[in-house]
Amino acid sequence: MAEVLVLVDHVDGSVRKPTLELLTLARRLGDPVAVHLGPGAEAAAAVLGEHGATRVLALDAPEFADYLVAPKVDALQAAVAAVSPAAVLAPSSPEGKEIAARLALRIDAGLLTDAVDVTAGDEGPVVSQSVFAAAYTTTSRVTEGTPVITVKPNAVAPEPAQAAGAVEELSVSFGPLATGTRVVSRTPRESTGRPELTEAAIVVSGGRGVNGAENFAVIEALADSLGGAVGASRAAVDAGWYPHSHQVGQTGKTVSPQLYVAAGISGAIQHRAGMQTSKTIVAINKDAEAPIFELVDYGVVGDLFDVVPALTDEVKARKG
């Protein structure tokens, strides 16, 4: 069976959930081969093997930490040359998409980004994408070279499938461009204890109806009771009520959780573009004519300051 390369997204060997989703999709196309760049390959191998990686091509080099993107492109290009894969899958993170685009250019191959599904076809992988603010779904395939595909988080539920996960050293010769841009400093992101917004299975977002930064505590309480992430509309972010890093929408982040709760959000097209592919959408708004109700699975017409705390209490009671 053909092999499929999967670029591992990890933090010092701690494998992030989107990689497990990629391995699940890769098994539809062939035998997954994980590419682990940076420290912690031995620790990651067990998890990667549990989710179907037959092999783990690994390399830890200072270039990956000291320079931006290009060394990882060199390494992934070397993996393509060594494996001759049927496809290359990478996460649809900003870094993942940049690596994928550079790789596709180097190997003279087609690129498809932000896939929401990948299936096997008679002539290669068939990719589904949500386009035009998620109003349409397209199906596409690469017709030239090895398909390079980036996949959005939560496109599929990770499914365990035990495989060998044997670690093999990847041989890489870094090119002159690899050291062109040096990283001079890093600032760790402050941990909130909540899942990463774009990877979360549950997202609770607040909008203009929250009416103040101090009132986002109501949104946070519901998110915490559900074990979810907190999002915000552009109106809330522009008002300074919540950080821009939590903005959901066309000019913010795109999310596709199993459950999306929109509280006090009218549902402008810019916001809908960032959350419309969510599996189940619940809206809470006191305006019965709010556009958000056009796309929800469940809608509650009411004051969010009455509804959201009551919902939080009910979730806690059921958990207890």
C-alpha atoms as a PDB file:
ATOM      1  CA  MET A   1       0.000   0.000   0.000  1.00  0.00           C
ATOM      2  CA  ALA A   2       1.170   3.557  -0.720  1.00  0.00           C
ATOM      3  CA  GLU A   3       2.539   5.642   2.127  1.00  0.00           C
ATOM      4  CA  VAL A   4       1.214   9.041   3.207  1.00  0.00           C
ATOM      5  CA  LEU A   5       3.373  11.618   4.995  1.00  0.00           C
ATOM      6  CA  VAL A   6       1.906  13.411   8.015  1.00  0.00           C
ATOM      7  CA  LEU A   7       3.679  16.464   9.440  1.00  0.00           C
ATOM      8  CA  VAL A   8       3.548  16.191  13.235  1.00  0.00           C
ATOM      9  CA  ASP A   9       2.362  19.228  15.190  1.00  0.00           C
ATOM     10  CA  HIS A  10       3.820  18.936  18.677  1.00  0.00           C
ATOM     11  CA  VAL A  11       5.296  20.807  21.628  1.00  0.00           C
ATOM     12  CA  ASP A  12       8.550  19.104  22.709  1.00  0.00           C
ATOM     13  CA  GLY A  13       7.137  15.702  21.800  1.00  0.00           C
ATOM     14  CA  SER A  14       3.635  16.279  23.155  1.00  0.00           C
ATOM     15  CA  VAL A  15       1.528  15.560  20.076  1.00  0.00           C
ATOM     16  CA  ARG A  16      -1.334  17.945  19.449  1.00  0.00           C
ATOM     17  CA  LYS A  17      -4.811  16.709  18.531  1.00  0.00           C
ATOM     18  CA  PRO A  18      -4.820  17.891  14.874  1.00  0.00           C
ATOM     19  CA  THR A  19      -1.969  15.456  14.146  1.00  0.00           C
ATOM     20  CA  LEU A  20      -4.055  12.529  15.393  1.00  0.00           C
ATOM     21  CA  GLU A  21      -6.846  13.684  13.088  1.00  0.00           C
ATOM     22  CA  LEU A  22      -4.393  13.783  10.168  1.00  0.00           C
ATOM     23  CA  LEU A  23      -3.276  10.223  10.904  1.00  0.00           C
ATOM     24  CA  THR A  24      -6.922   9.115  10.881  1.00  0.00           C
ATOM     25  CA  LEU A  25      -7.436  10.725   7.466  1.00  0.00           C
ATOM     26  CA  ALA A  26      -4.122   9.395   6.157  1.00  0.00           C
ATOM     27  CA  ARG A  27      -5.236   5.817   6.820  1.00  0.00           C
ATOM     28  CA  ARG A  28      -7.956   6.308   4.222  1.00  0.00           C
ATOM     29  CA  LEU A  29      -5.254   6.944   1.630  1.00  0.00           C
ATOM     30  CA  GLY A  30      -2.517   4.498   2.610  1.00  0.00           C
ATOM     31  CA  ASP A  31      -0.033   3.755   5.385  1.00  0.00           C
ATOM     32  CA  PRO A  32       0.680   6.866   7.488  1.00  0.00           C
ATOM     33  CA  VAL A  33       4.315   7.862   7.976  1.00  0.00           C
ATOM     34  CA  ALA A  34       4.761  10.604  10.575  1.00  0.00           C
ATOM     35  CA  VAL A  35       7.438  13.281  10.169  1.00  0.00           C
ATOM     36  CA  HIS A  36       8.549  14.523  13.602  1.00  0.00           C
ATOM     37  CA  LEU A  37      10.831  17.568  13.562  1.00  0.00           C
ATOM     38  CA  GLY A  38      12.351  18.767  16.821  1.00  0.00           C
ATOM     39  CA  PRO A  39      12.800  17.223  20.272  1.00  0.00           C
ATOM     40  CA  GLY A  40      10.717  14.454  21.828  1.00  0.00           C
ATOM     41  CA  ALA A  41      10.366  11.983  18.966  1.00  0.00           C
ATOM     42  CA  GLU A  42      10.762   8.927  21.191  1.00  0.00           C
ATOM     43  CA  ALA A  43       8.022  10.148  23.529  1.00  0.00           C
ATOM     44  CA  ALA A  44       5.749  11.028  20.608  1.00  0.00           C
ATOM     45  CA  ALA A  45       6.268   7.720  18.805  1.00  0.00           C
ATOM     46  CA  ALA A  46       4.001   5.785  21.169  1.00  0.00           C
ATOM     47  CA  VAL A  47       1.060   8.126  20.588  1.00  0.00           C
ATOM     48  CA  LEU A  48       1.706   8.301  16.848  1.00  0.00           C
ATOM     49  CA  GLY A  49       1.886   4.511  16.641  1.00  0.00           C
ATOM     50  CA  GLU A  50      -1.358   4.158  18.568  1.00  0.00           C
ATOM     51  CA  HIS A  51      -3.058   6.252  15.888  1.00  0.00           C
ATOM     52  CA  GLY A  52      -1.735   4.424  12.864  1.00  0.00           C
ATOM     53  CA  ALA A  53       1.773   5.685  12.112  1.00  0.00           C
ATOM     54  CA  THR A  54       3.697   2.757  10.670  1.00  0.00           C
ATOM     55  CA  ARG A  55       6.947   4.733  10.850  1.00  0.00           C
ATOM     56  CA  VAL A  56       8.166   7.956  12.425  1.00  0.00           C
ATOM     57  CA  LEU A  57      10.813   9.834  10.450  1.00  0.00           C
ATOM     58  CA  ALA A  58      12.490  12.009  13.071  1.00  0.00           C
ATOM     59  CA  LEU A  59      15.167  14.659  13.254  1.00  0.00           C
ATOM     60  CA  ASP A  60      16.089  17.052  16.039  1.00  0.00           C
ATOM     61  CA  ALA A  61      18.277  19.909  14.814  1.00  0.00           C
ATOM     62  CA  PRO A  62      18.933  23.402  16.216  1.00  0.00           C
ATOM     63  CA  GLU A  63      17.813  24.904  12.898  1.00  0.00           C
ATOM     64  CA  PHE A  64      14.191  24.068  13.693  1.00  0.00           C
ATOM     65  CA  ALA A  65      14.221  26.284  16.784  1.00  0.00           C
ATOM     66  CA  ASP A  66      16.647  28.975  15.651  1.00  0.00           C
ATOM     67  CA  TYR A  67      15.167  29.770  12.240  1.00  0.00           C
ATOM     68  CA  LEU A  68      11.732  30.205  10.718  1.00  0.00           C
ATOM     69  CA  VAL A  69       9.928  27.617   8.567  1.00  0.00           C
ATOM     70  CA  ALA A  70      12.570  26.999   5.882  1.00  0.00           C
ATOM     71  CA  PRO A  71      14.488  24.263   7.765  1.00  0.00           C
ATOM     72  CA  LYS A  72      11.239  22.347   8.241  1.00  0.00           C
ATOM     73  CA  VAL A  73      10.515  22.669   4.531  1.00  0.00           C
ATOM     74  CA  ASP A  74      13.972  21.219   3.797  1.00  0.00           C
ATOM     75  CA  ALA A  75      13.235  18.311   6.124  1.00  0.00           C
ATOM     76  CA  LEU A  76       9.792  17.601   4.697  1.00  0.00           C
ATOM     77  CA  GLN A  77      11.203  17.764   1.168  1.00  0.00           C
ATOM     78  CA  ALA A  78      13.823  15.200   2.199  1.00  0.00           C
ATOM     79  CA  ALA A  79      11.045  12.985   3.579  1.00  0.00           C
ATOM     80  CA  VAL A  80       9.146  13.219   0.288  1.00  0.00           C
ATOM     81  CA  ALA A  81      12.282  12.195  -1.607  1.00  0.00           C
ATOM     82  CA  ALA A  82      12.851   9.249   0.745  1.00  0.00           C
ATOM     83  CA  VAL A  83       9.278   7.939   0.797  1.00  0.00           C
ATOM     84  CA  SER A  84       7.691   8.953  -2.559  1.00  0.00           C
ATOM     85  CA  PRO A  85       4.335   9.318  -0.791  1.00  0.00           C
ATOM     86  CA  ALA A  86       0.855   9.253  -2.272  1.00  0.00           C
ATOM     87  CA  ALA A  87       0.130  12.539  -0.449  1.00  0.00           C
ATOM     88  CA  VAL A  88       1.463  14.905   2.209  1.00  0.00           C
ATOM     89  CA  LEU A  89      -0.880  16.057   4.991  1.00  0.00           C
ATOM     90  CA  ALA A  90      -0.181  19.018   7.280  1.00  0.00           C
ATOM     91  CA  PRO A  91      -2.262  20.928   9.832  1.00  0.00           C
ATOM     92  CA  SER A  92      -3.999  24.114   8.656  1.00  0.00           C
ATOM     93  CA  SER A  93      -2.164  26.273  11.173  1.00  0.00           C
ATOM     94  CA  PRO A  94      -0.367  29.418   9.945  1.00  0.00           C
ATOM     95  CA  GLU A  95       2.968  27.573  10.084  1.00  0.00           C
ATOM     96  CA  GLY A  96       1.524  24.389   8.589  1.00  0.00           C
ATOM     97  CA  LYS A  97       0.101  26.250   5.596  1.00  0.00           C
ATOM     98  CA  GLU A  98       3.342  28.124   4.972  1.00  0.00           C
ATOM     99  CA  ILE A  99       5.357  24.911   5.095  1.00  0.00           C
ATOM    100  CA  ALA A 100       2.879  23.188   2.767  1.00  0.00           C
ATOM    101  CA  ALA A 101       2.919  26.037   0.244  1.00  0.00           C
ATOM    102  CA  ARG A 102       6.716  26.168   0.124  1.00  0.00           C
ATOM    103  CA  LEU A 103       6.926  22.378  -0.178  1.00  0.00           C
ATOM    104  CA  ALA A 104       4.421  22.256  -3.041  1.00  0.00           C
ATOM    105  CA  LEU A 105       6.424  24.866  -4.927  1.00  0.00           C
ATOM    106  CA  ARG A 106       9.698  22.987  -4.428  1.00  0.00           C
ATOM    107  CA  ILE A 107       8.378  19.595  -5.526  1.00  0.00           C
ATOM    108  CA  ASP A 108       6.291  21.068  -8.362  1.00  0.00           C
ATOM    109  CA  ALA A 109       3.037  19.756  -6.923  1.00  0.00           C
ATOM    110  CA  GLY A 110      -0.518  20.934  -6.422  1.00  0.00           C
ATOM    111  CA  LEU A 111      -1.661  22.363  -3.078  1.00  0.00           C
ATOM    112  CA  LEU A 112      -5.071  22.305  -1.398  1.00  0.00           C
ATOM    113  CA  THR A 113      -5.536  24.151   1.907  1.00  0.00           C
ATOM    114  CA  ASP A 114      -8.137  24.233   4.690  1.00  0.00           C
ATOM    115  CA  ALA A 115      -9.660  20.861   3.864  1.00  0.00           C
ATOM    116  CA  VAL A 116     -12.625  19.773   5.957  1.00  0.00           C
ATOM    117  CA  ASP A 117     -12.525  16.201   4.654  1.00  0.00           C
ATOM    118  CA  VAL A 118     -10.188  13.957   2.661  1.00  0.00           C
ATOM    119  CA  THR A 119     -11.218  10.697   1.010  1.00  0.00           C
ATOM    120  CA  ALA A 120      -9.612   8.236  -1.376  1.00  0.00           C
ATOM    121  CA  GLY A 121     -10.505   8.557  -5.049  1.00  0.00           C
ATOM    122  CA  ASP A 122      -9.699   6.594  -8.168  1.00  0.00           C
ATOM    123  CA  GLU A 123      -7.187   9.252  -9.254  1.00  0.00           C
ATOM    124  CA  GLY A 124      -5.868  10.324  -5.855  1.00  0.00           C
ATOM    125  CA  PRO A 125      -7.154  12.039  -2.708  1.00  0.00           C
ATOM    126  CA  VAL A 126     -10.438  13.932  -2.995  1.00  0.00           C
ATOM    127  CA  VAL A 127     -10.559  17.037  -0.811  1.00  0.00           C
ATOM    128  CA  SER A 128     -13.641  18.854   0.497  1.00  0.00           C
ATOM    129  CA  GLN A 129     -13.378  22.565   1.342  1.00  0.00           C
ATOM    130  CA  SER A 130     -15.873  25.098   2.702  1.00  0.00           C
ATOM    131  CA  VAL A 131     -15.769  28.260   0.595  1.00  0.00           C
ATOM    132  CA  PHE A 132     -17.477  31.654   0.282  1.00  0.00           C
ATOM    133  CA  ALA A 133     -18.050  32.059   4.008  1.00  0.00           C
ATOM    134  CA  ALA A 134     -18.987  28.362   4.231  1.00  0.00           C
ATOM    135  CA  ALA A 135     -21.969  28.886   1.937  1.00  0.00           C
ATOM    136  CA  TYR A 136     -20.680  26.180  -0.418  1.00  0.00           C
ATOM    137  CA  THR A 137     -18.663  22.969  -0.198  1.00  0.00           C
ATOM    138  CA  THR A 138     -16.288  22.154  -3.046  1.00  0.00           C
ATOM    139  CA  THR A 139     -14.596  18.865  -3.897  1.00  0.00           C
ATOM    140  CA  SER A 140     -11.191  19.007  -5.561  1.00  0.00           C
ATOM    141  CA  ARG A 141      -8.159  16.895  -6.316  1.00  0.00           C
ATOM    142  CA  VAL A 142      -4.570  17.643  -7.249  1.00  0.00           C
ATOM    143  CA  THR A 143      -3.774  16.770 -10.872  1.00  0.00           C
ATOM    144  CA  GLU A 144      -0.001  17.427 -10.890  1.00  0.00           C
ATOM    145  CA  GLY A 145       2.644  15.896  -8.652  1.00  0.00           C
ATOM    146  CA  THR A 146       2.281  14.636  -5.085  1.00  0.00           C
ATOM    147  CA  PRO A 147      -0.831  16.189  -3.471  1.00  0.00           C
ATOM    148  CA  VAL A 148       0.025  18.526  -0.595  1.00  0.00           C
ATOM    149  CA  ILE A 149      -3.014  19.063   1.636  1.00  0.00           C
ATOM    150  CA  THR A 150      -3.589  21.061   4.817  1.00  0.00           C
ATOM    151  CA  VAL A 151      -6.542  20.058   6.989  1.00  0.00           C
ATOM    152  CA  LYS A 152      -8.550  22.164   9.424  1.00  0.00           C
ATOM    153  CA  PRO A 153      -8.747  21.035  13.055  1.00  0.00           C
ATOM    154  CA  ASN A 154     -11.845  18.999  13.988  1.00  0.00           C
ATOM    155  CA  ALA A 155     -12.290  17.768  10.419  1.00  0.00           C
ATOM    156  CA  VAL A 156     -12.551  14.223  11.783  1.00  0.00           C
ATOM    157  CA  ALA A 157     -12.548  12.544  15.187  1.00  0.00           C
ATOM    158  CA  PRO A 158      -9.197  10.851  15.937  1.00  0.00           C
ATOM    159  CA  GLU A 159      -9.511   7.066  15.800  1.00  0.00           C
ATOM    160  CA  PRO A 160      -6.866   4.792  17.377  1.00  0.00           C
ATOM    161  CA  ALA A 161      -5.384   2.076  15.153  1.00  0.00           C
ATOM    162  CA  GLN A 162      -2.284   0.428  16.534  1.00  0.00           C
ATOM    163  CA  ALA A 163       0.748   0.368  14.254  1.00  0.00           C
ATOM    164  CA  ALA A 164       4.483  -0.080  14.746  1.00  0.00           C
ATOM    165  CA  GLY A 165       5.423   3.584  15.013  1.00  0.00           C
ATOM    166  CA  ALA A 166       9.094   2.682  14.632  1.00  0.00           C
ATOM    167  CA  VAL A 167      11.404   5.700  14.858  1.00  0.00           C
ATOM    168  CA  GLU A 168      13.851   6.177  11.982  1.00  0.00           C
ATOM    169  CA  GLU A 169      16.340   9.003  11.602  1.00  0.00           C
ATOM    170  CA  LEU A 170      15.616  11.394   8.748  1.00  0.00           C
ATOM    171  CA  SER A 171      18.663  12.540   6.807  1.00  0.00           C
ATOM    172  CA  VAL A 172      18.486  16.220   5.824  1.00  0.00           C
ATOM    173  CA  SER A 173      20.894  18.637   4.169  1.00  0.00           C
ATOM    174  CA  PHE A 174      19.784  22.172   4.959  1.00  0.00           C
ATOM    175  CA  GLY A 175      19.952  24.595   2.043  1.00  0.00           C
ATOM    176  CA  PRO A 176      21.322  28.155   2.103  1.00  0.00           C
ATOM    177  CA  LEU A 177      17.833  29.634   2.555  1.00  0.00           C
ATOM    178  CA  ALA A 178      17.266  27.661   5.765  1.00  0.00           C
ATOM    179  CA  THR A 179      19.190  30.187   7.852  1.00  0.00           C
ATOM    180  CA  GLY A 180      17.848  33.304   6.165  1.00  0.00           C
ATOM    181  CA  THR A 181      15.521  34.388   8.976  1.00  0.00           C
ATOM    182  CA  ARG A 182      16.568  33.913  12.587  1.00  0.00           C
ATOM    183  CA  VAL A 183      14.270  33.798  15.592  1.00  0.00           C
ATOM    184  CA  VAL A 184      15.638  36.360  18.057  1.00  0.00           C
ATOM    185  CA  SER A 185      13.130  35.929  20.910  1.00  0.00           C
ATOM    186  CA  ARG A 186      10.023  34.073  21.969  1.00  0.00           C
ATOM    187  CA  THR A 187       7.270  35.010  24.415  1.00  0.00           C
ATOM    188  CA  PRO A 188       5.280  32.056  25.793  1.00  0.00           C
ATOM    189  CA  ARG A 189       1.530  32.352  25.441  1.00  0.00           C
ATOM    190  CA  GLU A 190      -0.181  32.748  28.787  1.00  0.00           C
ATOM    191  CA  SER A 191      -2.075  29.599  29.639  1.00  0.00           C
ATOM    192  CA  THR A 192      -5.762  29.958  30.479  1.00  0.00           C
ATOM    193  CA  GLY A 193      -6.220  26.269  31.184  1.00  0.00           C
ATOM    194  CA  ARG A 194      -8.727  26.120  28.330  1.00  0.00           C
ATOM    195  CA  PRO A 195      -8.249  24.298  25.013  1.00  0.00           C
ATOM    196  CA  GLU A 196      -6.781  26.103  22.010  1.00  0.00           C
ATOM    197  CA  LEU A 197      -9.606  27.970  20.247  1.00  0.00           C
ATOM    198  CA  THR A 198      -9.127  26.483  16.776  1.00  0.00           C
ATOM    199  CA  GLU A 199      -8.767  22.940  18.140  1.00  0.00           C
ATOM    200  CA  ALA A 200     -11.531  22.968  20.766  1.00  0.00           C
ATOM    201  CA  ALA A 201     -14.450  20.559  20.460  1.00  0.00           C
ATOM    202  CA  ILE A 202     -16.668  23.120  22.225  1.00  0.00           C
ATOM    203  CA  VAL A 203     -16.545  26.913  21.786  1.00  0.00           C
ATOM    204  CA  VAL A 204     -18.647  29.496  23.643  1.00  0.00           C
ATOM    205  CA  SER A 205     -18.499  32.977  22.085  1.00  0.00           C
ATOM    206  CA  GLY A 206     -19.763  36.338  23.242  1.00  0.00           C
ATOM    207  CA  GLY A 207     -20.647  39.360  21.162  1.00  0.00           C
ATOM    208  CA  ARG A 208     -21.945  42.900  21.407  1.00  0.00           C
ATOM    209  CA  GLY A 209     -24.755  41.733  23.657  1.00  0.00           C
ATOM    210  CA  VAL A 210     -22.263  40.898  26.434  1.00  0.00           C
ATOM    211  CA  ASN A 211     -21.998  44.674  26.901  1.00  0.00           C
ATOM    212  CA  GLY A 212     -18.639  44.952  28.627  1.00  0.00           C
ATOM    213  CA  ALA A 213     -15.362  43.223  29.412  1.00  0.00           C
ATOM    214  CA  GLU A 214     -16.421  42.430  32.971  1.00  0.00           C
ATOM    215  CA  ASN A 215     -19.473  40.551  31.691  1.00  0.00           C
ATOM    216  CA  PHE A 216     -17.369  38.051  29.740  1.00  0.00           C
ATOM    217  CA  ALA A 217     -17.083  36.184  33.040  1.00  0.00           C
ATOM    218  CA  VAL A 218     -20.549  34.816  32.222  1.00  0.00           C
ATOM    219  CA  ILE A 219     -19.266  33.449  28.890  1.00  0.00           C
ATOM    220  CA  GLU A 220     -16.134  32.041  30.522  1.00  0.00           C
ATOM    221  CA  ALA A 221     -18.153  30.281  33.213  1.00  0.00           C
ATOM    222  CA  LEU A 222     -20.245  28.426  30.625  1.00  0.00           C
ATOM    223  CA  ALA A 223     -17.159  27.524  28.587  1.00  0.00           C
ATOM    224  CA  ASP A 224     -15.405  26.194  31.689  1.00  0.00           C
ATOM    225  CA  SER A 225     -18.408  24.120  32.727  1.00  0.00           C
ATOM    226  CA  LEU A 226     -18.398  22.501  29.266  1.00  0.00           C
ATOM    227  CA  GLY A 227     -14.619  22.163  29.055  1.00  0.00           C
ATOM    228  CA  GLY A 228     -14.563  24.452  26.045  1.00  0.00           C
ATOM    229  CA  ALA A 229     -12.748  27.478  24.652  1.00  0.00           C
ATOM    230  CA  VAL A 230     -13.890  31.095  24.721  1.00  0.00           C
ATOM    231  CA  GLY A 231     -14.429  33.078  21.520  1.00  0.00           C
ATOM    232  CA  ALA A 232     -15.563  36.599  20.744  1.00  0.00           C
ATOM    233  CA  SER A 233     -17.102  38.468  17.851  1.00  0.00           C
ATOM    234  CA  ARG A 234     -15.307  41.312  16.123  1.00  0.00           C
ATOM    235  CA  ALA A 235     -17.606  43.836  17.790  1.00  0.00           C
ATOM    236  CA  ALA A 236     -16.576  42.582  21.227  1.00  0.00           C
ATOM    237  CA  VAL A 237     -12.904  42.553  20.305  1.00  0.00           C
ATOM    238  CA  ASP A 238     -12.995  46.023  18.709  1.00  0.00           C
ATOM    239  CA  ALA A 239     -14.648  47.347  21.872  1.00  0.00           C
ATOM    240  CA  GLY A 240     -11.696  46.028  23.873  1.00  0.00           C
ATOM    241  CA  TRP A 241     -13.772  43.555  25.841  1.00  0.00           C
ATOM    242  CA  TYR A 242     -11.746  40.475  24.875  1.00  0.00           C
ATOM    243  CA  PRO A 243      -8.322  39.838  23.250  1.00  0.00           C
ATOM    244  CA  HIS A 244      -8.042  39.731  19.470  1.00  0.00           C
ATOM    245  CA  SER A 245      -6.478  36.262  19.721  1.00  0.00           C
ATOM    246  CA  HIS A 246      -9.974  34.977  20.593  1.00  0.00           C
ATOM    247  CA  GLN A 247     -11.802  36.611  17.685  1.00  0.00           C
ATOM    248  CA  VAL A 248     -13.881  34.239  15.572  1.00  0.00           C
ATOM    249  CA  GLY A 249     -14.691  35.352  12.051  1.00  0.00           C
ATOM    250  CA  GLN A 250     -13.404  36.287   8.629  1.00  0.00           C
ATOM    251  CA  THR A 251     -10.737  38.596  10.084  1.00  0.00           C
ATOM    252  CA  GLY A 252     -10.125  36.364  13.101  1.00  0.00           C
ATOM    253  CA  LYS A 253      -9.904  32.619  13.558  1.00  0.00           C
ATOM    254  CA  THR A 254     -11.940  29.917  11.856  1.00  0.00           C
ATOM    255  CA  VAL A 255     -13.352  27.251  14.151  1.00  0.00           C
ATOM    256  CA  SER A 256     -15.239  24.052  13.447  1.00  0.00           C
ATOM    257  CA  PRO A 257     -16.103  22.517  16.831  1.00  0.00           C
ATOM    258  CA  GLN A 258     -18.647  19.845  17.629  1.00  0.00           C
ATOM    259  CA  LEU A 259     -20.636  22.496  19.552  1.00  0.00           C
ATOM    260  CA  TYR A 260     -20.639  26.269  19.048  1.00  0.00           C
ATOM    261  CA  VAL A 261     -22.600  28.492  21.415  1.00  0.00           C
ATOM    262  CA  ALA A 262     -23.112  32.107  20.290  1.00  0.00           C
ATOM    263  CA  ALA A 263     -24.317  34.405  23.055  1.00  0.00           C
ATOM    264  CA  GLY A 264     -25.273  37.983  22.262  1.00  0.00           C
ATOM    265  CA  ILE A 265     -23.978  37.686  18.684  1.00  0.00           C
ATOM    266  CA  SER A 266     -26.163  39.047  15.879  1.00  0.00           C
ATOM    267  CA  GLY A 267     -24.645  36.834  13.198  1.00  0.00           C
ATOM    268  CA  ALA A 268     -23.049  39.183  10.671  1.00  0.00           C
ATOM    269  CA  ILE A 269     -21.602  37.417   7.631  1.00  0.00           C
ATOM    270  CA  GLN A 270     -18.039  38.124   8.817  1.00  0.00           C
ATOM    271  CA  HIS A 271     -18.662  36.152  12.008  1.00  0.00           C
ATOM    272  CA  ARG A 272     -20.559  33.397  10.276  1.00  0.00           C
ATOM    273  CA  ALA A 273     -17.592  32.851   7.951  1.00  0.00           C
ATOM    274  CA  GLY A 274     -15.533  31.797  10.943  1.00  0.00           C
ATOM    275  CA  MET A 275     -17.918  29.325  12.593  1.00  0.00           C
ATOM    276  CA  GLN A 276     -20.475  28.177  10.054  1.00  0.00           C
ATOM    277  CA  THR A 277     -18.941  24.713   9.664  1.00  0.00           C
ATOM    278  CA  SER A 278     -19.509  23.905  13.352  1.00  0.00           C
ATOM    279  CA  LYS A 279     -21.333  20.601  13.756  1.00  0.00           C
ATOM    280  CA  THR A 280     -24.016  21.899  16.167  1.00  0.00           C
ATOM    281  CA  ILE A 281     -24.766  25.617  16.610  1.00  0.00           C
ATOM    282  CA  VAL A 282     -26.719  27.119  19.506  1.00  0.00           C
ATOM    283  CA  ALA A 283     -27.579  30.834  19.601  1.00  0.00           C
ATOM    284  CA  ILE A 284     -28.818  32.940  22.502  1.00  0.00           C
ATOM    285  CA  ASN A 285     -30.116  36.389  21.573  1.00  0.00           C
ATOM    286  CA  LYS A 286     -32.969  38.579  22.767  1.00  0.00           C
ATOM    287  CA  ASP A 287     -33.628  39.755  19.181  1.00  0.00           C
ATOM    288  CA  ALA A 288     -35.786  37.117  17.523  1.00  0.00           C
ATOM    289  CA  GLU A 289     -34.907  38.591  14.096  1.00  0.00           C
ATOM    290  CA  ALA A 290     -31.126  38.313  14.559  1.00  0.00           C
ATOM    291  CA  PRO A 291     -29.462  36.779  11.442  1.00  0.00           C
ATOM    292  CA  ILE A 292     -27.680  34.200  13.612  1.00  0.00           C
ATOM    293  CA  PHE A 293     -30.952  32.293  13.969  1.00  0.00           C
ATOM    294  CA  GLU A 294     -30.910  31.528  10.223  1.00  0.00           C
ATOM    295  CA  LEU A 295     -28.165  28.923  10.587  1.00  0.00           C
ATOM    296  CA  VAL A 296     -28.566  27.515  14.097  1.00  0.00           C
ATOM    297  CA  ASP A 297     -29.594  24.030  15.144  1.00  0.00           C
ATOM    298  CA  TYR A 298     -31.063  25.389  18.378  1.00  0.00           C
ATOM    299  CA  GLY A 299     -32.038  28.978  19.145  1.00  0.00           C
ATOM    300  CA  VAL A 300     -33.025  30.617  22.416  1.00  0.00           C
ATOM    301  CA  VAL A 301     -34.728  34.013  22.307  1.00  0.00           C
ATOM    302  CA  GLY A 302     -33.916  35.613  25.629  1.00  0.00           C
ATOM    303  CA  ASP A 303     -31.535  37.735  27.656  1.00  0.00           C
ATOM    304  CA  LEU A 304     -28.128  36.035  27.747  1.00  0.00           C
ATOM    305  CA  PHE A 305     -27.671  37.188  31.357  1.00  0.00           C
ATOM    306  CA  ASP A 306     -30.660  35.049  32.309  1.00  0.00           C
ATOM    307  CA  VAL A 307     -30.100  32.134  29.910  1.00  0.00           C
ATOM    308  CA  VAL A 308     -26.324  31.592  30.092  1.00  0.00           C
ATOM    309  CA  PRO A 309     -26.022  31.405  33.920  1.00  0.00           C
ATOM    310  CA  ALA A 310     -29.006  29.049  34.034  1.00  0.00           C
ATOM    311  CA  LEU A 311     -27.394  26.870  31.373  1.00  0.00           C
ATOM    312  CA  THR A 312     -24.107  26.891  33.282  1.00  0.00           C
ATOM    313  CA  ASP A 313     -25.874  25.806  36.479  1.00  0.00           C
ATOM    314  CA  GLU A 314     -27.664  23.017  34.614  1.00  0.00           C
ATOM    315  CA  VAL A 315     -24.411  21.724  33.096  1.00  0.00           C
ATOM    316  CA  LYS A 316     -22.728  21.717  36.509  1.00  0.00           C
ATOM    317  CA  ALA A 317     -25.700  19.967  38.095  1.00  0.00           C
ATOM    318  CA  ARG A 318     -25.686  17.219  35.481  1.00  0.00           C
ATOM    319  CA  LYS A 319     -21.947  16.761  35.852  1.00  0.00           C
ATOM    320  CA  GLY A 320     -22.326  16.571  39.616  1.00  0.00           C
END
